[in-house]
Amino acid sequence: MNIDSTNHKRKSNDRRVNWKSFGWQYARSNVGTFHHAVAPVLLLGQCITLLPVVNIFNVNFRTARFKLRSFRCIYSLLYLALTGVYCVLSIRWYIRKGLNISYFANCVYMVVVYLSAWLFFFVALRWHTILDAFGNCERSFLRDHYRRQTRGTFTLSWKIRLATIVIFTLALTEDWLSYYSAYQSNMVQIATCNRTNVTVWQNFYLREHPHVFHLMPFNGFTIAVTEWINRCMRYTWTYLDIFIISFCYGAQFRYEQIFRRLLAFQGIACPANFWHNLRLDYVAVSELVNVLDTEFGHLILLACANDMYFIATQLFNGFQRRRAIANYIYFWYSLLLLMFRTILMLYVGSGVYVASTSPLQLLRNVPSNSWGLDLQRLTDEVASGENVLSGKQFFFLKRQLILAMAGTLVTYELVLLDQVKKTPDSATDCSYF
């Protein structure tokens, strides 16, 4: 009896060990995938009501999908409904006050951010399709012969998460400076207008959100909802660049793996099946780039147009006078952060095309005795392929685009300085509505 119970315990322990080993191997196979790398980025987006996708941390990427009956979806739809009302009230108030360059910029900001939230919602509807495209591409890149080439380098997870942490931390600092700048402006207005019938915070919210409080009662609930909407809108703008950087890194990293594998076998005679498998891997990444260009081209177009417009507007506003020192600090920090985000997004996005052409020189240096049909086809595909992301084919993310945008901004800025009147300092305006 004791012997049987001992054998039964051993078998149970063996089964537990086997299941643990299987789970560890299964989890290990997930490490290095885009699904694994981007999961914290999706969680960050869901905190600000974007991308309502469930099972983002599940080992099996096929379980991550949009689910209508989920808290994430209800949270996103509630935000979209309330923000739609908020944007209508804001634009109506700006039109009634008379559109100038500052009010018009605020209207553009609200429309772009609200449109971005809807686009992210539609991306969530097709998220399982996007992960399937990554899964089909990454099947070969998760094997040991590719994993060995990436040891000692930044992994895909590190690249995506480091960029997210840096940009979002800078955005949090910008948000705090925005609050402090608005608070200092309100103190200047209270002193200038000699306000004694309102508290500092009541004056703050009535002045910062007149389009809300001239229709809604001034209480804690209205303040909380207004602040929630404004925080989500502010971070959505930043998150748009973070998301584009993330999936650009996802494609760029696979091209870099092919380049490292070629570099490791440089000068070594390789069999024909080596070049055949390498060509299939390269084609798989190129097909992934085409899918990303189709699925996310509208996000790239919206982000580039929005960033370019606000850089031009903020450069013009840099010549305005401000009475509070905090306003100067916030303004220049915000402008420099916007320029940094835009340049980083364009640089990483254009890096996909650069990485796709990087193997060309190594392929041309392969000895003639190793030349074959698959090597010839691979060289032709690298040399002639246009593996580049675009803004719905209106423009292509290449390094030349950064200089082109800079030249356009300088020209536009000269036109603004010559034609547009400067906006008066709002800190001296004593009216609420």
Protein backbone atom coordinates (compact mmCIF):
# COMPACT_ATOMS: atom_id res chain seq x y z
CA MET A 1 0.00 0.00 0.00
CA ASN A 2 2.81 2.40 0.89
CA ILE A 3 4.72 1.42 -2.25
CA ASP A 4 1.70 2.14 -4.47
CA SER A 5 1.11 5.52 -2.88
CA THR A 6 4.79 6.37 -3.30
CA ASN A 7 4.71 5.43 -6.99
CA HIS A 8 1.51 7.45 -7.45
CA LYS A 9 3.18 10.53 -5.91
CA ARG A 10 6.22 10.09 -8.16
CA LYS A 11 4.02 9.92 -11.25
CA SER A 12 2.11 13.00 -10.15
CA ASN A 13 5.34 14.89 -9.54
CA ASP A 14 6.64 13.80 -12.95
CA ARG A 15 3.49 15.08 -14.60
CA ARG A 16 3.79 18.41 -12.77
CA VAL A 17 7.41 18.75 -13.82
CA ASN A 18 6.52 17.94 -17.41
CA TRP A 19 3.71 20.47 -17.45
CA LYS A 20 5.99 23.13 -15.93
CA SER A 21 8.68 22.33 -18.44
CA PHE A 22 6.17 22.51 -21.28
CA GLY A 23 4.82 25.85 -20.01
CA TRP A 24 8.33 27.26 -19.67
CA GLN A 25 9.23 26.18 -23.19
CA TYR A 26 5.97 27.59 -24.50
CA ALA A 27 6.54 30.91 -22.70
CA ARG A 28 10.13 30.99 -23.93
CA SER A 29 8.91 30.65 -27.51
CA ASN A 30 6.79 33.76 -26.97
CA VAL A 31 9.76 35.87 -25.82
CA GLY A 32 11.08 37.89 -28.72
CA THR A 33 7.76 38.21 -30.53
CA PHE A 34 6.14 41.53 -31.31
CA HIS A 35 3.13 40.45 -29.24
CA HIS A 36 5.36 40.01 -26.18
CA ALA A 37 7.30 43.24 -26.79
CA VAL A 38 4.31 45.51 -27.39
CA ALA A 39 2.06 44.24 -24.56
CA PRO A 40 3.11 46.97 -22.04
CA VAL A 41 2.58 49.60 -24.75
CA LEU A 42 -0.97 48.32 -25.27
CA LEU A 43 -1.58 48.43 -21.51
CA LEU A 44 -0.41 52.04 -21.45
CA GLY A 45 -2.80 52.87 -24.29
CA GLN A 46 -5.69 51.17 -22.50
CA CYS A 47 -5.09 53.33 -19.45
CA ILE A 48 -5.94 56.32 -21.65
CA THR A 49 -8.94 54.50 -23.24
CA LEU A 50 -7.18 53.38 -26.46
CA LEU A 51 -6.94 49.93 -28.10
CA PRO A 52 -9.53 47.89 -26.14
CA VAL A 53 -7.92 44.48 -26.76
CA VAL A 54 -8.19 41.62 -24.26
CA ASN A 55 -5.52 39.01 -23.35
CA ILE A 56 -2.61 41.27 -24.28
CA PHE A 57 -0.30 39.44 -21.84
CA ASN A 58 -1.44 35.96 -22.81
CA VAL A 59 1.35 33.69 -24.06
CA ASN A 60 -0.69 32.70 -27.10
CA PHE A 61 -0.99 35.78 -29.33
CA ARG A 62 -4.06 34.31 -31.06
CA THR A 63 -6.16 34.97 -27.93
CA ALA A 64 -5.45 38.72 -28.03
CA ARG A 65 -8.40 40.30 -29.80
CA PHE A 66 -11.13 42.90 -29.58
CA LYS A 67 -14.05 41.92 -27.36
CA LEU A 68 -17.20 44.00 -27.38
CA ARG A 69 -18.46 42.79 -24.00
CA SER A 70 -15.46 43.81 -21.94
CA PHE A 71 -14.60 46.57 -19.51
CA ARG A 72 -11.93 47.90 -21.88
CA CYS A 73 -14.45 48.35 -24.68
CA ILE A 74 -17.05 50.04 -22.44
CA TYR A 75 -14.32 52.33 -21.06
CA SER A 76 -13.26 53.34 -24.60
CA LEU A 77 -16.82 53.89 -25.83
CA LEU A 78 -17.66 56.02 -22.77
CA TYR A 79 -14.61 58.17 -23.46
CA LEU A 80 -15.49 58.53 -27.16
CA ALA A 81 -19.04 59.61 -26.32
CA LEU A 82 -18.06 62.17 -23.66
CA THR A 83 -15.11 63.49 -25.65
CA GLY A 84 -17.32 63.98 -28.70
CA VAL A 85 -19.60 66.26 -26.65
CA TYR A 86 -16.58 68.01 -25.13
CA CYS A 87 -15.05 68.72 -28.56
CA VAL A 88 -18.33 70.06 -29.95
CA LEU A 89 -18.71 72.43 -26.99
CA SER A 90 -15.10 73.56 -27.30
CA ILE A 91 -15.19 74.24 -31.05
CA ARG A 92 -18.54 76.02 -30.70
CA TRP A 93 -17.08 78.29 -28.02
CA TYR A 94 -13.94 79.07 -30.08
CA ILE A 95 -16.03 79.96 -33.13
CA ARG A 96 -18.25 82.22 -31.03
CA LYS A 97 -15.22 84.00 -29.56
CA GLY A 98 -13.76 84.55 -33.03
CA LEU A 99 -11.14 82.24 -34.54
CA ASN A 100 -7.53 83.42 -34.39
CA ILE A 101 -4.39 81.35 -34.88
CA SER A 102 -4.43 80.15 -31.27
CA TYR A 103 -8.10 79.15 -31.23
CA PHE A 104 -7.83 77.52 -34.64
CA ALA A 105 -4.85 75.46 -33.42
CA ASN A 106 -6.92 74.30 -30.44
CA CYS A 107 -9.74 73.23 -32.77
CA VAL A 108 -7.29 71.29 -34.97
CA TYR A 109 -5.80 69.65 -31.87
CA MET A 110 -9.19 68.44 -30.64
CA VAL A 111 -10.31 67.14 -34.02
CA VAL A 112 -7.03 65.28 -34.58
CA VAL A 113 -6.93 63.72 -31.12
CA TYR A 114 -10.59 62.67 -31.26
CA LEU A 115 -10.07 61.21 -34.74
CA SER A 116 -6.98 59.38 -33.46
CA ALA A 117 -9.03 57.76 -30.68
CA TRP A 118 -11.52 56.44 -33.23
CA LEU A 119 -8.74 55.17 -35.49
CA PHE A 120 -7.19 53.29 -32.56
CA PHE A 121 -10.61 51.79 -31.87
CA PHE A 122 -10.78 50.51 -35.46
CA VAL A 123 -7.20 49.19 -35.14
CA ALA A 124 -8.35 47.20 -32.09
CA LEU A 125 -11.08 45.60 -34.22
CA ARG A 126 -8.37 44.20 -36.55
CA TRP A 127 -5.67 43.58 -33.95
CA HIS A 128 -5.88 39.78 -34.30
CA THR A 129 -5.21 40.16 -38.05
CA ILE A 130 -2.15 42.31 -37.37
CA LEU A 131 -0.76 39.82 -34.85
CA ASP A 132 -1.37 37.00 -37.32
CA ALA A 133 0.78 38.88 -39.87
CA PHE A 134 3.55 39.27 -37.28
CA GLY A 135 3.19 35.62 -36.23
CA ASN A 136 3.54 34.35 -39.80
CA CYS A 137 6.64 36.49 -40.30
CA GLU A 138 8.32 35.74 -36.97
CA ARG A 139 7.99 31.96 -37.09
CA SER A 140 11.50 31.55 -38.52
CA PHE A 141 13.12 34.40 -36.58
CA LEU A 142 12.38 32.80 -33.20
CA ARG A 143 14.60 29.79 -33.95
CA ASP A 144 18.04 29.36 -32.44
CA HIS A 145 20.02 30.25 -35.57
CA TYR A 146 18.53 33.76 -35.40
CA ARG A 147 18.45 34.02 -31.61
CA ARG A 148 22.21 33.41 -31.45
CA GLN A 149 22.88 36.43 -33.68
CA THR A 150 20.96 38.81 -31.37
CA ARG A 151 22.66 37.87 -28.09
CA GLY A 152 24.46 40.80 -26.52
CA THR A 153 22.37 43.35 -28.43
CA PHE A 154 19.22 45.29 -27.65
CA THR A 155 16.23 42.99 -28.07
CA LEU A 156 12.98 44.05 -29.68
CA SER A 157 11.33 44.33 -26.25
CA TRP A 158 14.07 46.63 -24.97
CA LYS A 159 13.88 48.90 -27.99
CA ILE A 160 10.11 49.32 -27.87
CA ARG A 161 9.84 49.65 -24.10
CA LEU A 162 12.81 51.98 -23.71
CA ALA A 163 11.41 54.36 -26.33
CA THR A 164 8.00 54.21 -24.63
CA ILE A 165 9.40 54.92 -21.16
CA VAL A 166 11.54 57.84 -22.33
CA ILE A 167 8.83 59.54 -24.39
CA PHE A 168 6.05 59.03 -21.87
CA THR A 169 8.20 60.21 -18.96
CA LEU A 170 8.98 63.39 -20.89
CA ALA A 171 5.25 63.75 -21.63
CA LEU A 172 4.41 63.46 -17.92
CA THR A 173 6.91 66.23 -17.20
CA GLU A 174 5.32 68.34 -19.93
CA ASP A 175 1.88 67.79 -18.39
CA TRP A 176 3.12 68.93 -14.98
CA LEU A 177 4.72 72.03 -16.51
CA SER A 178 1.45 72.75 -18.31
CA TYR A 179 -0.41 72.73 -15.00
CA TYR A 180 2.18 74.90 -13.32
CA SER A 181 2.24 77.34 -16.24
CA ALA A 182 -1.57 77.63 -16.24
CA TYR A 183 -1.53 78.16 -12.47
CA GLN A 184 1.01 80.98 -12.76
CA SER A 185 -1.03 82.59 -15.55
CA ASN A 186 -4.09 82.48 -13.32
CA MET A 187 -2.19 84.14 -10.50
CA VAL A 188 -1.17 86.92 -12.90
CA GLN A 189 -4.78 87.32 -14.01
CA ILE A 190 -6.08 87.42 -10.44
CA ALA A 191 -3.57 90.14 -9.59
CA THR A 192 -4.24 92.09 -12.81
CA CYS A 193 -8.06 91.89 -12.64
CA ASN A 194 -8.22 92.24 -8.82
CA ARG A 195 -10.44 89.21 -8.39
CA THR A 196 -11.69 88.79 -4.82
CA ASN A 197 -15.02 87.02 -5.39
CA VAL A 198 -13.60 83.66 -6.53
CA THR A 199 -11.04 81.20 -5.18
CA VAL A 200 -7.78 80.47 -7.00
CA TRP A 201 -8.96 77.04 -8.22
CA GLN A 202 -12.39 78.28 -9.23
CA ASN A 203 -10.74 81.01 -11.28
CA PHE A 204 -8.34 78.37 -12.70
CA TYR A 205 -11.05 76.06 -14.02
CA LEU A 206 -13.38 78.82 -15.20
CA ARG A 207 -10.53 80.32 -17.20
CA GLU A 208 -9.04 77.07 -18.53
CA HIS A 209 -12.36 75.42 -19.49
CA PRO A 210 -14.90 78.19 -20.17
CA HIS A 211 -16.57 76.15 -22.90
CA VAL A 212 -17.60 73.58 -20.25
CA PHE A 213 -18.46 75.69 -17.22
CA HIS A 214 -20.58 78.26 -19.01
CA LEU A 215 -23.07 75.39 -19.58
CA MET A 216 -22.32 72.88 -16.80
CA PRO A 217 -22.40 73.44 -13.02
CA PHE A 218 -19.09 74.01 -11.26
CA ASN A 219 -18.68 71.00 -8.96
CA GLY A 220 -16.28 68.18 -8.23
CA PHE A 221 -17.88 65.70 -10.65
CA THR A 222 -17.72 68.08 -13.62
CA ILE A 223 -14.12 68.96 -12.77
CA ALA A 224 -13.13 65.27 -12.52
CA VAL A 225 -14.74 64.35 -15.87
CA THR A 226 -13.18 67.39 -17.57
CA GLU A 227 -9.73 66.59 -16.21
CA TRP A 228 -10.06 62.91 -17.22
CA ILE A 229 -10.99 63.86 -20.79
CA ASN A 230 -8.17 66.41 -21.04
CA ARG A 231 -5.53 64.03 -19.70
CA CYS A 232 -6.58 61.27 -22.10
CA MET A 233 -6.57 63.71 -25.03
CA ARG A 234 -3.15 65.08 -24.15
CA TYR A 235 -1.57 61.64 -23.83
CA THR A 236 -3.30 60.31 -26.97
CA TRP A 237 -1.28 62.80 -28.99
CA THR A 238 1.95 61.45 -27.50
CA TYR A 239 0.79 57.83 -27.70
CA LEU A 240 0.24 58.13 -31.44
CA ASP A 241 3.98 58.64 -31.97
CA ILE A 242 4.84 55.88 -29.47
CA PHE A 243 2.61 53.38 -31.29
CA ILE A 244 4.11 54.19 -34.70
CA ILE A 245 7.63 53.81 -33.28
CA SER A 246 6.66 50.42 -31.80
CA PHE A 247 5.48 48.73 -34.98
CA CYS A 248 8.29 50.33 -37.01
CA TYR A 249 10.76 48.72 -34.61
CA GLY A 250 8.88 45.43 -35.06
CA ALA A 251 9.63 45.35 -38.81
CA GLN A 252 13.07 46.98 -38.62
CA PHE A 253 14.32 44.43 -36.08
CA ARG A 254 13.61 41.48 -38.42
CA TYR A 255 15.59 43.05 -41.25
CA GLU A 256 18.44 43.64 -38.80
CA GLN A 257 18.38 39.95 -37.85
CA ILE A 258 18.82 38.98 -41.51
CA PHE A 259 21.72 41.41 -41.80
CA ARG A 260 23.43 39.97 -38.69
CA ARG A 261 23.04 36.44 -39.98
CA LEU A 262 24.62 37.43 -43.29
CA LEU A 263 27.41 39.15 -41.40
CA ALA A 264 28.08 36.00 -39.36
CA PHE A 265 28.45 33.91 -42.54
CA GLN A 266 30.47 36.47 -44.47
CA GLY A 267 33.32 34.79 -46.39
CA ILE A 268 31.92 31.29 -45.76
CA ALA A 269 30.71 29.09 -48.61
CA CYS A 270 27.01 28.44 -47.91
CA PRO A 271 24.84 25.74 -49.50
CA ALA A 272 21.93 26.56 -51.79
CA ASN A 273 19.28 25.82 -49.16
CA PHE A 274 20.82 28.52 -46.92
CA TRP A 275 20.13 31.21 -49.55
CA HIS A 276 16.71 29.72 -50.26
CA ASN A 277 15.66 29.94 -46.58
CA LEU A 278 17.17 33.41 -46.21
CA ARG A 279 15.25 34.65 -49.24
CA LEU A 280 12.00 33.28 -47.82
CA ASP A 281 12.69 35.07 -44.54
CA TYR A 282 13.37 38.34 -46.34
CA VAL A 283 10.17 38.01 -48.38
CA ALA A 284 8.20 37.31 -45.18
CA VAL A 285 9.41 40.58 -43.61
CA SER A 286 8.66 42.49 -46.82
CA GLU A 287 5.12 41.12 -46.80
CA LEU A 288 4.80 42.22 -43.17
CA VAL A 289 5.86 45.76 -44.12
CA ASN A 290 3.15 45.81 -46.80
CA VAL A 291 0.55 44.77 -44.22
CA LEU A 292 1.72 47.45 -41.77
CA ASP A 293 1.62 50.08 -44.49
CA THR A 294 -1.95 49.11 -45.32
CA GLU A 295 -3.15 48.90 -41.71
CA PHE A 296 -1.35 51.91 -40.22
CA GLY A 297 -0.81 54.28 -43.14
CA HIS A 298 -3.64 56.52 -41.92
CA LEU A 299 -2.02 56.81 -38.48
CA ILE A 300 1.32 57.79 -40.04
CA LEU A 301 -0.38 60.39 -42.25
CA LEU A 302 -2.30 61.86 -39.32
CA ALA A 303 0.72 61.93 -36.99
CA CYS A 304 3.07 63.58 -39.50
CA ALA A 305 0.53 66.20 -40.59
CA ASN A 306 -0.43 66.99 -37.00
CA ASP A 307 3.15 67.22 -35.70
CA MET A 308 4.24 69.36 -38.62
CA TYR A 309 1.33 71.77 -38.19
CA PHE A 310 1.87 72.24 -34.47
CA ILE A 311 5.63 72.70 -34.80
CA ALA A 312 4.95 75.54 -37.25
CA THR A 313 2.29 77.05 -34.98
CA GLN A 314 4.41 76.79 -31.85
CA LEU A 315 7.41 78.32 -33.60
CA PHE A 316 5.23 81.30 -34.48
CA ASN A 317 3.95 81.51 -30.89
CA GLY A 318 7.56 81.61 -29.71
CA PHE A 319 7.67 85.28 -30.63
CA GLN A 320 4.78 86.17 -28.28
CA ARG A 321 5.44 87.90 -24.97
CA ARG A 322 4.50 86.16 -21.72
CA ARG A 323 4.26 87.67 -18.26
CA ALA A 324 5.04 84.52 -16.23
CA ILE A 325 8.44 82.83 -16.34
CA ALA A 326 6.74 79.42 -16.04
CA ASN A 327 5.00 80.11 -19.37
CA TYR A 328 8.34 80.47 -21.12
CA ILE A 329 9.70 77.28 -19.56
CA TYR A 330 6.62 75.25 -20.46
CA PHE A 331 6.42 76.65 -23.99
CA TRP A 332 10.00 75.87 -24.98
CA TYR A 333 10.00 72.48 -23.24
CA SER A 334 6.77 71.54 -25.05
CA LEU A 335 8.13 72.69 -28.41
CA LEU A 336 11.44 70.85 -28.00
CA LEU A 337 9.63 67.68 -26.89
CA LEU A 338 7.32 67.86 -29.91
CA MET A 339 10.29 68.25 -32.24
CA PHE A 340 12.12 65.38 -30.51
CA ARG A 341 9.09 63.07 -30.80
CA THR A 342 8.57 63.94 -34.44
CA ILE A 343 12.22 63.46 -35.42
CA LEU A 344 12.45 60.18 -33.49
CA MET A 345 9.26 58.87 -35.09
CA LEU A 346 10.46 59.80 -38.59
CA TYR A 347 13.95 58.41 -37.90
CA VAL A 348 12.67 55.04 -36.65
CA GLY A 349 10.06 54.87 -39.42
CA SER A 350 12.65 55.57 -42.10
CA GLY A 351 14.91 52.98 -40.46
CA VAL A 352 12.66 50.24 -41.87
CA TYR A 353 13.72 51.15 -45.41
CA VAL A 354 17.37 51.56 -44.39
CA ALA A 355 17.38 48.14 -42.69
CA SER A 356 15.76 46.52 -45.73
CA THR A 357 18.61 47.67 -48.00
CA SER A 358 21.46 47.05 -45.54
CA PRO A 359 22.15 43.42 -46.71
CA LEU A 360 22.77 44.55 -50.30
CA GLN A 361 26.50 45.22 -49.99
CA LEU A 362 27.10 41.92 -48.20
CA LEU A 363 25.19 40.03 -50.91
CA ARG A 364 27.26 41.65 -53.66
CA ASN A 365 30.47 40.57 -51.91
CA VAL A 366 29.52 36.87 -51.92
CA PRO A 367 32.14 34.85 -53.90
CA SER A 368 31.12 33.80 -57.40
CA ASN A 369 31.51 30.09 -56.59
CA SER A 370 28.61 30.42 -54.11
CA TRP A 371 26.37 32.21 -56.59
CA GLY A 372 23.08 30.56 -57.45
CA LEU A 373 19.49 31.26 -58.43
CA ASP A 374 18.20 31.92 -54.89
CA LEU A 375 21.10 34.27 -54.13
CA GLN A 376 20.47 36.11 -57.39
CA ARG A 377 16.75 36.48 -56.62
CA LEU A 378 17.48 37.62 -53.07
CA THR A 379 19.93 40.27 -54.32
CA ASP A 380 17.39 41.52 -56.86
CA GLU A 381 14.66 41.74 -54.22
CA VAL A 382 16.89 43.72 -51.85
CA ALA A 383 18.09 46.05 -54.62
CA SER A 384 14.75 46.74 -56.27
CA GLY A 385 12.22 46.25 -53.48
CA GLU A 386 10.46 49.32 -52.05
CA ASN A 387 10.04 48.03 -48.51
CA VAL A 388 9.03 51.35 -47.00
CA LEU A 389 6.17 52.61 -44.85
CA SER A 390 4.11 55.55 -46.04
CA GLY A 391 1.33 57.93 -45.13
CA LYS A 392 -1.31 56.31 -47.38
CA GLN A 393 1.13 56.63 -50.32
CA PHE A 394 1.14 60.47 -50.07
CA PHE A 395 4.71 60.37 -48.79
CA PHE A 396 7.22 57.68 -47.85
CA LEU A 397 9.19 57.37 -44.63
CA LYS A 398 12.75 57.82 -45.82
CA ARG A 399 15.56 59.87 -44.32
CA GLN A 400 15.09 62.58 -46.97
CA LEU A 401 11.64 63.27 -45.55
CA ILE A 402 13.13 64.77 -42.37
CA LEU A 403 15.01 67.44 -44.35
CA ALA A 404 12.00 68.03 -46.60
CA MET A 405 9.76 68.67 -43.59
CA ALA A 406 12.35 71.00 -42.04
CA GLY A 407 12.54 73.05 -45.25
CA THR A 408 8.75 73.26 -45.48
CA LEU A 409 8.51 74.43 -41.88
CA VAL A 410 11.03 77.23 -42.44
CA THR A 411 9.11 78.45 -45.50
CA TYR A 412 5.77 78.27 -43.69
CA GLU A 413 7.20 80.11 -40.68
CA LEU A 414 8.38 82.99 -42.85
CA VAL A 415 4.88 83.29 -44.32
CA LEU A 416 3.30 83.31 -40.85
CA LEU A 417 5.65 86.00 -39.55
CA ASP A 418 4.86 88.21 -42.52
CA GLN A 419 1.08 87.74 -42.70
CA VAL A 420 -0.36 86.86 -39.30
CA LYS A 421 -0.88 89.27 -36.43
CA LYS A 422 0.42 88.27 -33.05
CA THR A 423 -2.04 87.03 -30.45
CA PRO A 424 -2.49 89.22 -27.34
CA ASP A 425 -1.49 87.85 -23.94
CA SER A 426 -4.51 85.96 -22.51
CA ALA A 427 -3.32 86.52 -18.93
CA THR A 428 -4.59 90.12 -19.08
CA ASP A 429 -8.05 89.08 -20.32
CA CYS A 430 -10.44 89.52 -17.36
CA SER A 431 -13.48 87.90 -18.97
CA TYR A 432 -14.45 84.28 -18.44
CA PHE A 433 -16.90 83.69 -21.29
